[in-house]
């Protein structure tokens, strides 16, 4: 019984805090999708351009890592990966997740 009460209390608190602050709305009642700087200018386009540049840079890094892993696999005649290759694969995965996060932002 105490477990259920604790569960309900945690659920109610998380639901209350999960609401967050209301987003500013436009005159039609829809949430405002633009980000405004301290001077009142729209910063969405600037952020999108910066994200695009960062995505291209990360994709170039992923391409280079992929070429290095491919060369390492072709060098060996067995199905063996070195620790360095596994670390490169992990780095590729991190970069991919970072790109995906930027793409989902807006």
PDB file of N, CA and C in Angstrom:
ATOM      1  N   UNK A   1       0.817  -1.184   0.000  1.00  0.00           N
ATOM      2  CA  UNK A   1       0.000   0.000   0.000  1.00  0.00           C
ATOM      3  C   UNK A   1       0.865   1.254   0.000  1.00  0.00           C
ATOM      4  N   UNK A   2       1.935   1.223   0.807  1.00  0.00           N
ATOM      5  CA  UNK A   2       2.835   2.375   0.887  1.00  0.00           C
ATOM      6  C   UNK A   2       3.550   2.574  -0.446  1.00  0.00           C
ATOM      7  N   UNK A   3       3.854   1.456  -1.105  1.00  0.00           N
ATOM      8  CA  UNK A   3       4.534   1.542  -2.407  1.00  0.00           C
ATOM      9  C   UNK A   3       3.632   2.228  -3.427  1.00  0.00           C
ATOM     10  N   UNK A   4       2.351   1.877  -3.423  1.00  0.00           N
ATOM     11  CA  UNK A   4       1.409   2.509  -4.358  1.00  0.00           C
ATOM     12  C   UNK A   4       1.275   4.011  -4.084  1.00  0.00           C
ATOM     13  N   UNK A   5       1.210   4.369  -2.816  1.00  0.00           N
ATOM     14  CA  UNK A   5       1.095   5.786  -2.464  1.00  0.00           C
ATOM     15  C   UNK A   5       2.346   6.548  -2.892  1.00  0.00           C
ATOM     16  N   UNK A   6       3.513   5.950  -2.686  1.00  0.00           N
ATOM     17  CA  UNK A   6       4.761   6.588  -3.100  1.00  0.00           C
ATOM     18  C   UNK A   6       4.809   6.718  -4.620  1.00  0.00           C
ATOM     19  N   UNK A   7       4.384   5.666  -5.315  1.00  0.00           N
ATOM     20  CA  UNK A   7       4.366   5.695  -6.783  1.00  0.00           C
ATOM     21  C   UNK A   7       3.443   6.807  -7.296  1.00  0.00           C
ATOM     22  N   UNK A   8       2.254   6.901  -6.723  1.00  0.00           N
ATOM     23  CA  UNK A   8       1.315   7.941  -7.139  1.00  0.00           C
ATOM     24  C   UNK A   8       1.854   9.339  -6.840  1.00  0.00           C
ATOM     25  N   UNK A   9       2.517   9.488  -5.709  1.00  0.00           N
ATOM     26  CA  UNK A   9       3.094  10.779  -5.351  1.00  0.00           C
ATOM     27  C   UNK A   9       4.187  11.170  -6.348  1.00  0.00           C
ATOM     28  N   UNK A  10       5.079  10.238  -6.680  1.00  0.00           N
ATOM     29  CA  UNK A  10       6.146  10.513  -7.643  1.00  0.00           C
ATOM     30  C   UNK A  10       5.548  10.809  -9.007  1.00  0.00           C
ATOM     31  N   UNK A  11       4.546  10.062  -9.414  1.00  0.00           N
ATOM     32  CA  UNK A  11       3.910  10.292 -10.707  1.00  0.00           C
ATOM     33  C   UNK A  11       3.261  11.671 -10.759  1.00  0.00           C
ATOM     34  N   UNK A  12       2.571  12.055  -9.693  1.00  0.00           N
ATOM     35  CA  UNK A  12       1.897  13.363  -9.666  1.00  0.00           C
ATOM     36  C   UNK A  12       2.913  14.503  -9.713  1.00  0.00           C
ATOM     37  N   UNK A  13       4.000  14.366  -8.977  1.00  0.00           N
ATOM     38  CA  UNK A  13       5.025  15.409  -8.973  1.00  0.00           C
ATOM     39  C   UNK A  13       5.686  15.504 -10.332  1.00  0.00           C
ATOM     40  N   UNK A  14       6.031  14.362 -10.931  1.00  0.00           N
ATOM     41  CA  UNK A  14       6.687  14.402 -12.246  1.00  0.00           C
ATOM     42  C   UNK A  14       5.736  14.955 -13.307  1.00  0.00           C
ATOM     43  N   UNK A  15       4.462  14.636 -13.208  1.00  0.00           N
ATOM     44  CA  UNK A  15       3.497  15.162 -14.171  1.00  0.00           C
ATOM     45  C   UNK A  15       3.351  16.671 -14.021  1.00  0.00           C
ATOM     46  N   UNK A  16       3.347  17.152 -12.795  1.00  0.00           N
ATOM     47  CA  UNK A  16       3.223  18.584 -12.541  1.00  0.00           C
ATOM     48  C   UNK A  16       4.437  19.338 -13.059  1.00  0.00           C
ATOM     49  N   UNK A  17       5.638  18.835 -12.779  1.00  0.00           N
ATOM     50  CA  UNK A  17       6.840  19.514 -13.233  1.00  0.00           C
ATOM     51  C   UNK A  17       7.081  19.292 -14.713  1.00  0.00           C
ATOM     52  N   UNK A  18       6.518  18.270 -15.301  1.00  0.00           N
ATOM     53  CA  UNK A  18       6.684  18.006 -16.726  1.00  0.00           C
ATOM     54  C   UNK A  18       5.933  18.980 -17.601  1.00  0.00           C
ATOM     55  N   UNK A  19       4.988  19.707 -17.016  1.00  0.00           N
ATOM     56  CA  UNK A  19       4.209  20.656 -17.797  1.00  0.00           C
ATOM     57  C   UNK A  19       5.089  21.789 -18.305  1.00  0.00           C
ATOM     58  N   UNK A  20       6.047  22.232 -17.516  1.00  0.00           N
ATOM     59  CA  UNK A  20       6.938  23.315 -17.926  1.00  0.00           C
ATOM     60  C   UNK A  20       6.205  24.636 -18.011  1.00  0.00           C
ATOM     61  N   UNK A  21       6.884  25.614 -18.547  1.00  0.00           N
ATOM     62  CA  UNK A  21       6.295  26.918 -18.715  1.00  0.00           C
ATOM     63  C   UNK A  21       5.605  26.990 -20.065  1.00  0.00           C
ATOM     64  N   UNK A  22       4.506  27.701 -20.153  1.00  0.00           N
ATOM     65  CA  UNK A  22       3.815  27.797 -21.441  1.00  0.00           C
ATOM     66  C   UNK A  22       4.661  28.578 -22.433  1.00  0.00           C
ATOM     67  N   UNK A  23       4.635  28.120 -23.694  1.00  0.00           N
ATOM     68  CA  UNK A  23       5.375  28.811 -24.738  1.00  0.00           C
ATOM     69  C   UNK A  23       4.609  30.051 -25.155  1.00  0.00           C
ATOM     70  N   UNK A  24       5.332  31.098 -25.554  1.00  0.00           N
ATOM     71  CA  UNK A  24       4.636  32.291 -26.027  1.00  0.00           C
ATOM     72  C   UNK A  24       3.801  31.957 -27.259  1.00  0.00           C
ATOM     73  N   UNK A  25       2.644  32.561 -27.359  1.00  0.00           N
ATOM     74  CA  UNK A  25       1.764  32.271 -28.479  1.00  0.00           C
ATOM     75  C   UNK A  25       1.635  33.477 -29.382  1.00  0.00           C
ATOM     76  N   UNK A  26       1.297  33.192 -30.620  1.00  0.00           N
ATOM     77  CA  UNK A  26       1.047  34.260 -31.576  1.00  0.00           C
ATOM     78  C   UNK A  26      -0.384  34.737 -31.395  1.00  0.00           C
ATOM     79  N   UNK A  27      -0.809  35.681 -32.202  1.00  0.00           N
ATOM     80  CA  UNK A  27      -2.157  36.219 -32.058  1.00  0.00           C
ATOM     81  C   UNK A  27      -3.233  35.206 -32.430  1.00  0.00           C
ATOM     82  N   UNK A  28      -2.861  34.119 -33.138  1.00  0.00           N
ATOM     83  CA  UNK A  28      -3.849  33.111 -33.512  1.00  0.00           C
ATOM     84  C   UNK A  28      -3.929  32.001 -32.471  1.00  0.00           C
ATOM     85  N   UNK A  29      -3.087  32.059 -31.450  1.00  0.00           N
ATOM     86  CA  UNK A  29      -3.136  31.047 -30.409  1.00  0.00           C
ATOM     87  C   UNK A  29      -2.164  29.905 -30.618  1.00  0.00           C
ATOM     88  N   UNK A  30      -1.408  29.910 -31.700  1.00  0.00           N
ATOM     89  CA  UNK A  30      -0.427  28.862 -31.964  1.00  0.00           C
ATOM     90  C   UNK A  30       0.881  29.206 -31.262  1.00  0.00           C
ATOM     91  N   UNK A  31       1.658  28.181 -30.797  1.00  0.00           N
ATOM     92  CA  UNK A  31       2.938  28.482 -30.163  1.00  0.00           C
ATOM     93  C   UNK A  31       3.876  29.173 -31.146  1.00  0.00           C
ATOM     94  N   UNK A  32       4.624  30.137 -30.635  1.00  0.00           N
ATOM     95  CA  UNK A  32       5.582  30.881 -31.451  1.00  0.00           C
ATOM     96  C   UNK A  32       6.826  30.019 -31.640  1.00  0.00           C
ATOM     97  N   UNK A  33       7.183  29.675 -32.881  1.00  0.00           N
ATOM     98  CA  UNK A  33       8.296  28.789 -33.178  1.00  0.00           C
ATOM     99  C   UNK A  33       9.612  29.541 -33.348  1.00  0.00           C
ATOM    100  N   UNK A  34       9.617  30.845 -33.295  1.00  0.00           N
ATOM    101  CA  UNK A  34      10.838  31.601 -33.510  1.00  0.00           C
ATOM    102  C   UNK A  34      11.549  31.841 -32.194  1.00  0.00           C
ATOM    103  N   UNK A  35      12.854  31.909 -32.274  1.00  0.00           N
ATOM    104  CA  UNK A  35      13.663  32.233 -31.117  1.00  0.00           C
ATOM    105  C   UNK A  35      14.102  33.679 -31.256  1.00  0.00           C
ATOM    106  N   UNK A  36      13.873  34.438 -30.243  1.00  0.00           N
ATOM    107  CA  UNK A  36      14.197  35.856 -30.285  1.00  0.00           C
ATOM    108  C   UNK A  36      15.427  36.119 -29.431  1.00  0.00           C
ATOM    109  N   UNK A  37      16.307  36.950 -29.946  1.00  0.00           N
ATOM    110  CA  UNK A  37      17.475  37.372 -29.210  1.00  0.00           C
ATOM    111  C   UNK A  37      17.121  38.502 -28.272  1.00  0.00           C
ATOM    112  N   UNK A  38      18.096  38.987 -27.501  1.00  0.00           N
ATOM    113  CA  UNK A  38      17.810  40.083 -26.572  1.00  0.00           C
ATOM    114  C   UNK A  38      17.405  41.365 -27.291  1.00  0.00           C
ATOM    115  N   UNK A  39      17.797  41.494 -28.553  1.00  0.00           N
ATOM    116  CA  UNK A  39      17.420  42.685 -29.305  1.00  0.00           C
ATOM    117  C   UNK A  39      16.086  42.517 -30.015  1.00  0.00           C
ATOM    118  N   UNK A  40      15.439  41.359 -29.861  1.00  0.00           N
ATOM    119  CA  UNK A  40      14.130  41.126 -30.451  1.00  0.00           C
ATOM    120  C   UNK A  40      14.176  40.537 -31.852  1.00  0.00           C
ATOM    121  N   UNK A  41      15.383  40.308 -32.404  1.00  0.00           N
ATOM    122  CA  UNK A  41      15.499  39.757 -33.750  1.00  0.00           C
ATOM    123  C   UNK A  41      15.327  38.246 -33.730  1.00  0.00           C
ATOM    124  N   UNK A  42      14.862  37.732 -34.843  1.00  0.00           N
ATOM    125  CA  UNK A  42      14.669  36.296 -35.004  1.00  0.00           C
ATOM    126  C   UNK A  42      16.031  35.629 -35.182  1.00  0.00           C
ATOM    127  N   UNK A  43      16.352  34.671 -34.311  1.00  0.00           N
ATOM    128  CA  UNK A  43      17.644  33.989 -34.368  1.00  0.00           C
ATOM    129  C   UNK A  43      17.536  32.593 -34.951  1.00  0.00           C
ATOM    130  N   UNK A  44      16.351  32.161 -35.354  1.00  0.00           N
ATOM    131  CA  UNK A  44      16.155  30.800 -35.839  1.00  0.00           C
ATOM    132  C   UNK A  44      17.011  30.521 -37.061  1.00  0.00           C
ATOM    133  N   UNK A  45      17.025  31.435 -38.029  1.00  0.00           N
ATOM    134  CA  UNK A  45      17.800  31.215 -39.247  1.00  0.00           C
ATOM    135  C   UNK A  45      19.296  31.139 -38.953  1.00  0.00           C
ATOM    136  N   UNK A  46      19.775  31.967 -38.040  1.00  0.00           N
ATOM    137  CA  UNK A  46      21.187  31.929 -37.671  1.00  0.00           C
ATOM    138  C   UNK A  46      21.548  30.584 -37.051  1.00  0.00           C
ATOM    139  N   UNK A  47      20.677  30.088 -36.170  1.00  0.00           N
ATOM    140  CA  UNK A  47      20.933  28.806 -35.530  1.00  0.00           C
ATOM    141  C   UNK A  47      20.884  27.660 -36.542  1.00  0.00           C
ATOM    142  N   UNK A  48      19.952  27.737 -37.482  1.00  0.00           N
ATOM    143  CA  UNK A  48      19.865  26.703 -38.507  1.00  0.00           C
ATOM    144  C   UNK A  48      21.112  26.681 -39.379  1.00  0.00           C
ATOM    145  N   UNK A  49      21.633  27.844 -39.737  1.00  0.00           N
ATOM    146  CA  UNK A  49      22.849  27.909 -40.542  1.00  0.00           C
ATOM    147  C   UNK A  49      24.038  27.348 -39.769  1.00  0.00           C
ATOM    148  N   UNK A  50      24.135  27.683 -38.494  1.00  0.00           N
ATOM    149  CA  UNK A  50      25.235  27.168 -37.672  1.00  0.00           C
ATOM    150  C   UNK A  50      25.131  25.659 -37.520  1.00  0.00           C
ATOM    151  N   UNK A  51      23.913  25.143 -37.324  1.00  0.00           N
ATOM    152  CA  UNK A  51      23.716  23.697 -37.230  1.00  0.00           C
ATOM    153  C   UNK A  51      24.090  23.008 -38.529  1.00  0.00           C
ATOM    154  N   UNK A  52      23.745  23.615 -39.656  1.00  0.00           N
ATOM    155  CA  UNK A  52      24.070  23.037 -40.963  1.00  0.00           C
ATOM    156  C   UNK A  52      25.585  22.929 -41.138  1.00  0.00           C
ATOM    157  N   UNK A  53      26.316  23.982 -40.770  1.00  0.00           N
ATOM    158  CA  UNK A  53      27.771  23.954 -40.867  1.00  0.00           C
ATOM    159  C   UNK A  53      28.358  22.866 -39.965  1.00  0.00           C
ATOM    160  N   UNK A  54      27.843  22.765 -38.744  1.00  0.00           N
ATOM    161  CA  UNK A  54      28.334  21.761 -37.808  1.00  0.00           C
ATOM    162  C   UNK A  54      28.020  20.358 -38.305  1.00  0.00           C
ATOM    163  N   UNK A  55      26.842  20.164 -38.907  1.00  0.00           N
ATOM    164  CA  UNK A  55      26.485  18.855 -39.460  1.00  0.00           C
ATOM    165  C   UNK A  55      27.434  18.461 -40.581  1.00  0.00           C
ATOM    166  N   UNK A  56      27.754  19.404 -41.461  1.00  0.00           N
ATOM    167  CA  UNK A  56      28.678  19.111 -42.557  1.00  0.00           C
ATOM    168  C   UNK A  56      30.065  18.751 -42.032  1.00  0.00           C
ATOM    169  N   UNK A  57      30.505  19.470 -41.008  1.00  0.00           N
ATOM    170  CA  UNK A  57      31.818  19.174 -40.412  1.00  0.00           C
ATOM    171  C   UNK A  57      31.827  17.784 -39.783  1.00  0.00           C
ATOM    172  N   UNK A  58      30.769  17.458 -39.042  1.00  0.00           N
ATOM    173  CA  UNK A  58      30.684  16.138 -38.413  1.00  0.00           C
ATOM    174  C   UNK A  58      30.577  15.030 -39.456  1.00  0.00           C
ATOM    175  N   UNK A  59      29.851  15.275 -40.536  1.00  0.00           N
ATOM    176  CA  UNK A  59      29.744  14.270 -41.601  1.00  0.00           C
ATOM    177  C   UNK A  59      31.093  14.028 -42.273  1.00  0.00           C
ATOM    178  N   UNK A  60      31.888  15.068 -42.424  1.00  0.00           N
ATOM    179  CA  UNK A  60      33.227  14.896 -42.989  1.00  0.00           C
ATOM    180  C   UNK A  60      34.084  14.042 -42.065  1.00  0.00           C
ATOM    181  N   UNK A  61      33.974  14.274 -40.763  1.00  0.00           N
ATOM    182  CA  UNK A  61      34.706  13.464 -39.790  1.00  0.00           C
ATOM    183  C   UNK A  61      34.252  12.015 -39.846  1.00  0.00           C
ATOM    184  N   UNK A  62      32.939  11.791 -39.969  1.00  0.00           N
ATOM    185  CA  UNK A  62      32.411  10.421 -40.073  1.00  0.00           C
ATOM    186  C   UNK A  62      32.950   9.745 -41.328  1.00  0.00           C
ATOM    187  N   UNK A  63      33.012  10.493 -42.442  1.00  0.00           N
ATOM    188  CA  UNK A  63      33.524   9.923 -43.691  1.00  0.00           C
ATOM    189  C   UNK A  63      34.982   9.510 -43.526  1.00  0.00           C
ATOM    190  N   UNK A  64      35.790  10.367 -42.894  1.00  0.00           N
ATOM    191  CA  UNK A  64      37.199  10.047 -42.695  1.00  0.00           C
ATOM    192  C   UNK A  64      37.372   8.828 -41.799  1.00  0.00           C
ATOM    193  N   UNK A  65      36.599   8.768 -40.721  1.00  0.00           N
ATOM    194  CA  UNK A  65      36.669   7.610 -39.828  1.00  0.00           C
ATOM    195  C   UNK A  65      36.266   6.335 -40.559  1.00  0.00           C
ATOM    196  N   UNK A  66      35.242   6.421 -41.406  1.00  0.00           N
ATOM    197  CA  UNK A  66      34.809   5.257 -42.175  1.00  0.00           C
ATOM    198  C   UNK A  66      35.886   4.762 -43.126  1.00  0.00           C
ATOM    199  N   UNK A  67      36.583   5.692 -43.770  1.00  0.00           N
ATOM    200  CA  UNK A  67      37.666   5.302 -44.669  1.00  0.00           C
ATOM    201  C   UNK A  67      38.807   4.643 -43.901  1.00  0.00           C
ATOM    202  N   UNK A  68      39.125   5.169 -42.709  1.00  0.00           N
ATOM    203  CA  UNK A  68      40.187   4.583 -41.900  1.00  0.00           C
ATOM    204  C   UNK A  68      39.820   3.163 -41.452  1.00  0.00           C
ATOM    205  N   UNK A  69      38.576   2.973 -41.062  1.00  0.00           N
ATOM    206  CA  UNK A  69      38.131   1.637 -40.629  1.00  0.00           C
ATOM    207  C   UNK A  69      38.143   0.674 -41.808  1.00  0.00           C
ATOM    208  N   UNK A  70      37.703   1.141 -42.973  1.00  0.00           N
ATOM    209  CA  UNK A  70      37.707   0.291 -44.160  1.00  0.00           C
ATOM    210  C   UNK A  70      39.130  -0.124 -44.524  1.00  0.00           C
ATOM    211  N   UNK A  71      40.062   0.803 -44.468  1.00  0.00           N
ATOM    212  CA  UNK A  71      41.459   0.475 -44.773  1.00  0.00           C
ATOM    213  C   UNK A  71      42.008  -0.532 -43.773  1.00  0.00           C
ATOM    214  N   UNK A  72      41.635  -0.375 -42.511  1.00  0.00           N
ATOM    215  CA  UNK A  72      42.107  -1.310 -41.498  1.00  0.00           C
ATOM    216  C   UNK A  72      41.527  -2.712 -41.707  1.00  0.00           C
ATOM    217  N   UNK A  73      40.254  -2.782 -42.095  1.00  0.00           N
ATOM    218  CA  UNK A  73      39.642  -4.088 -42.349  1.00  0.00           C
ATOM    219  C   UNK A  73      40.259  -4.760 -43.573  1.00  0.00           C
ATOM    220  N   UNK A  74      40.561  -3.978 -44.597  1.00  0.00           N
ATOM    221  CA  UNK A  74      41.170  -4.557 -45.804  1.00  0.00           C
ATOM    222  C   UNK A  74      42.598  -5.002 -45.541  1.00  0.00           C
ATOM    223  N   UNK A  75      43.262  -4.388 -44.575  1.00  0.00           N
ATOM    224  CA  UNK A  75      44.644  -4.726 -44.261  1.00  0.00           C
ATOM    225  C   UNK A  75      44.742  -6.110 -43.621  1.00  0.00           C
ATOM    226  N   UNK A  76      43.764  -6.470 -42.815  1.00  0.00           N
ATOM    227  CA  UNK A  76      43.783  -7.757 -42.122  1.00  0.00           C
ATOM    228  C   UNK A  76      43.034  -8.794 -42.945  1.00  0.00           C
ATOM    229  N   UNK A  77      43.505 -10.042 -42.860  1.00  0.00           N
ATOM    230  CA  UNK A  77      42.862 -11.099 -43.624  1.00  0.00           C
ATOM    231  C   UNK A  77      41.818 -11.867 -42.821  1.00  0.00           C
ATOM    232  N   UNK A  78      41.695 -11.556 -41.536  1.00  0.00           N
ATOM    233  CA  UNK A  78      40.704 -12.218 -40.689  1.00  0.00           C
ATOM    234  C   UNK A  78      39.622 -11.235 -40.277  1.00  0.00           C
ATOM    235  N   UNK A  79      38.641 -11.738 -39.601  1.00  0.00           N
ATOM    236  CA  UNK A  79      37.559 -10.895 -39.080  1.00  0.00           C
ATOM    237  C   UNK A  79      37.955 -10.377 -37.701  1.00  0.00           C
ATOM    238  N   UNK A  80      38.984  -9.546 -37.694  1.00  0.00           N
ATOM    239  CA  UNK A  80      39.516  -9.026 -36.450  1.00  0.00           C
ATOM    240  C   UNK A  80      39.481  -7.502 -36.507  1.00  0.00           C
ATOM    241  N   UNK A  81      38.967  -6.902 -35.440  1.00  0.00           N
ATOM    242  CA  UNK A  81      38.973  -5.449 -35.317  1.00  0.00           C
ATOM    243  C   UNK A  81      39.867  -5.068 -34.150  1.00  0.00           C
ATOM    244  N   UNK A  82      40.671  -4.062 -34.353  1.00  0.00           N
ATOM    245  CA  UNK A  82      41.518  -3.586 -33.260  1.00  0.00           C
ATOM    246  C   UNK A  82      40.700  -2.715 -32.313  1.00  0.00           C
ATOM    247  N   UNK A  83      41.289  -2.440 -31.181  1.00  0.00           N
ATOM    248  CA  UNK A  83      40.623  -1.576 -30.211  1.00  0.00           C
ATOM    249  C   UNK A  83      40.463  -0.176 -30.799  1.00  0.00           C
ATOM    250  N   UNK A  84      41.438   0.271 -31.575  1.00  0.00           N
ATOM    251  CA  UNK A  84      41.355   1.584 -32.209  1.00  0.00           C
ATOM    252  C   UNK A  84      40.182   1.683 -33.166  1.00  0.00           C
ATOM    253  N   UNK A  85      39.927   0.611 -33.915  1.00  0.00           N
ATOM    254  CA  UNK A  85      38.801   0.610 -34.849  1.00  0.00           C
ATOM    255  C   UNK A  85      37.472   0.662 -34.104  1.00  0.00           C
ATOM    256  N   UNK A  86      37.401  -0.037 -32.999  1.00  0.00           N
ATOM    257  CA  UNK A  86      36.166  -0.021 -32.204  1.00  0.00           C
ATOM    258  C   UNK A  86      35.941   1.377 -31.622  1.00  0.00           C
ATOM    259  N   UNK A  87      37.017   2.044 -31.192  1.00  0.00           N
ATOM    260  CA  UNK A  87      36.889   3.408 -30.683  1.00  0.00           C
ATOM    261  C   UNK A  87      36.441   4.352 -31.792  1.00  0.00           C
ATOM    262  N   UNK A  88      36.935   4.120 -33.016  1.00  0.00           N
ATOM    263  CA  UNK A  88      36.507   4.948 -34.144  1.00  0.00           C
ATOM    264  C   UNK A  88      35.026   4.730 -34.442  1.00  0.00           C
ATOM    265  N   UNK A  89      34.568   3.491 -34.329  1.00  0.00           N
ATOM    266  CA  UNK A  89      33.145   3.207 -34.530  1.00  0.00           C
ATOM    267  C   UNK A  89      32.296   3.887 -33.457  1.00  0.00           C
ATOM    268  N   UNK A  90      32.786   3.879 -32.222  1.00  0.00           N
ATOM    269  CA  UNK A  90      32.067   4.570 -31.148  1.00  0.00           C
ATOM    270  C   UNK A  90      32.009   6.071 -31.412  1.00  0.00           C
ATOM    271  N   UNK A  91      33.109   6.645 -31.907  1.00  0.00           N
ATOM    272  CA  UNK A  91      33.124   8.068 -32.229  1.00  0.00           C
ATOM    273  C   UNK A  91      32.144   8.376 -33.362  1.00  0.00           C
ATOM    274  N   UNK A  92      32.068   7.486 -34.351  1.00  0.00           N
ATOM    275  CA  UNK A  92      31.101   7.672 -35.441  1.00  0.00           C
ATOM    276  C   UNK A  92      29.677   7.663 -34.896  1.00  0.00           C
ATOM    277  N   UNK A  93      29.414   6.771 -33.962  1.00  0.00           N
ATOM    278  CA  UNK A  93      28.076   6.687 -33.375  1.00  0.00           C
ATOM    279  C   UNK A  93      27.730   7.961 -32.601  1.00  0.00           C
ATOM    280  N   UNK A  94      28.700   8.492 -31.846  1.00  0.00           N
ATOM    281  CA  UNK A  94      28.464   9.737 -31.113  1.00  0.00           C
ATOM    282  C   UNK A  94      28.165  10.894 -32.062  1.00  0.00           C
ATOM    283  N   UNK A  95      28.948  10.975 -33.145  1.00  0.00           N
ATOM    284  CA  UNK A  95      28.730  12.044 -34.114  1.00  0.00           C
ATOM    285  C   UNK A  95      27.366  11.916 -34.777  1.00  0.00           C
ATOM    286  N   UNK A  96      26.968  10.695 -35.087  1.00  0.00           N
ATOM    287  CA  UNK A  96      25.672  10.465 -35.707  1.00  0.00           C
ATOM    288  C   UNK A  96      24.542  10.895 -34.778  1.00  0.00           C
ATOM    289  N   UNK A  97      24.652  10.557 -33.505  1.00  0.00           N
ATOM    290  CA  UNK A  97      23.626  10.965 -32.545  1.00  0.00           C
ATOM    291  C   UNK A  97      23.584  12.483 -32.385  1.00  0.00           C
ATOM    292  N   UNK A  98      24.754  13.118 -32.430  1.00  0.00           N
ATOM    293  CA  UNK A  98      24.805  14.569 -32.321  1.00  0.00           C
ATOM    294  C   UNK A  98      24.114  15.225 -33.517  1.00  0.00           C
ATOM    295  N   UNK A  99      24.363  14.685 -34.710  1.00  0.00           N
ATOM    296  CA  UNK A  99      23.715  15.215 -35.916  1.00  0.00           C
ATOM    297  C   UNK A  99      22.207  15.013 -35.829  1.00  0.00           C
ATOM    298  N   UNK A 100      21.786  13.832 -35.414  1.00  0.00           N
ATOM    299  CA  UNK A 100      20.355  13.547 -35.295  1.00  0.00           C
ATOM    300  C   UNK A 100      19.695  14.505 -34.303  1.00  0.00           C
ATOM    301  N   UNK A 101      20.366  14.791 -33.204  1.00  0.00           N
ATOM    302  CA  UNK A 101      19.820  15.722 -32.220  1.00  0.00           C
ATOM    303  C   UNK A 101      19.664  17.119 -32.778  1.00  0.00           C
ATOM    304  N   UNK A 102      20.647  17.560 -33.565  1.00  0.00           N
ATOM    305  CA  UNK A 102      20.534  18.880 -34.189  1.00  0.00           C
ATOM    306  C   UNK A 102      19.418  18.923 -35.197  1.00  0.00           C
ATOM    307  N   UNK A 103      19.214  17.857 -35.939  1.00  0.00           N
ATOM    308  CA  UNK A 103      18.184  17.821 -36.966  1.00  0.00           C
ATOM    309  C   UNK A 103      16.786  17.831 -36.343  1.00  0.00           C
ATOM    310  N   UNK A 104      16.638  17.280 -35.166  1.00  0.00           N
ATOM    311  CA  UNK A 104      15.332  17.221 -34.507  1.00  0.00           C
ATOM    312  C   UNK A 104      15.008  18.479 -33.719  1.00  0.00           C
ATOM    313  N   UNK A 105      15.971  19.375 -33.572  1.00  0.00           N
ATOM    314  CA  UNK A 105      15.786  20.541 -32.708  1.00  0.00           C
ATOM    315  C   UNK A 105      14.623  21.431 -33.162  1.00  0.00           C
ATOM    316  N   UNK A 106      14.496  21.678 -34.439  1.00  0.00           N
ATOM    317  CA  UNK A 106      13.463  22.609 -34.909  1.00  0.00           C
ATOM    318  C   UNK A 106      12.398  21.865 -35.596  1.00  0.00           C
TER     319      UNK A 106
END
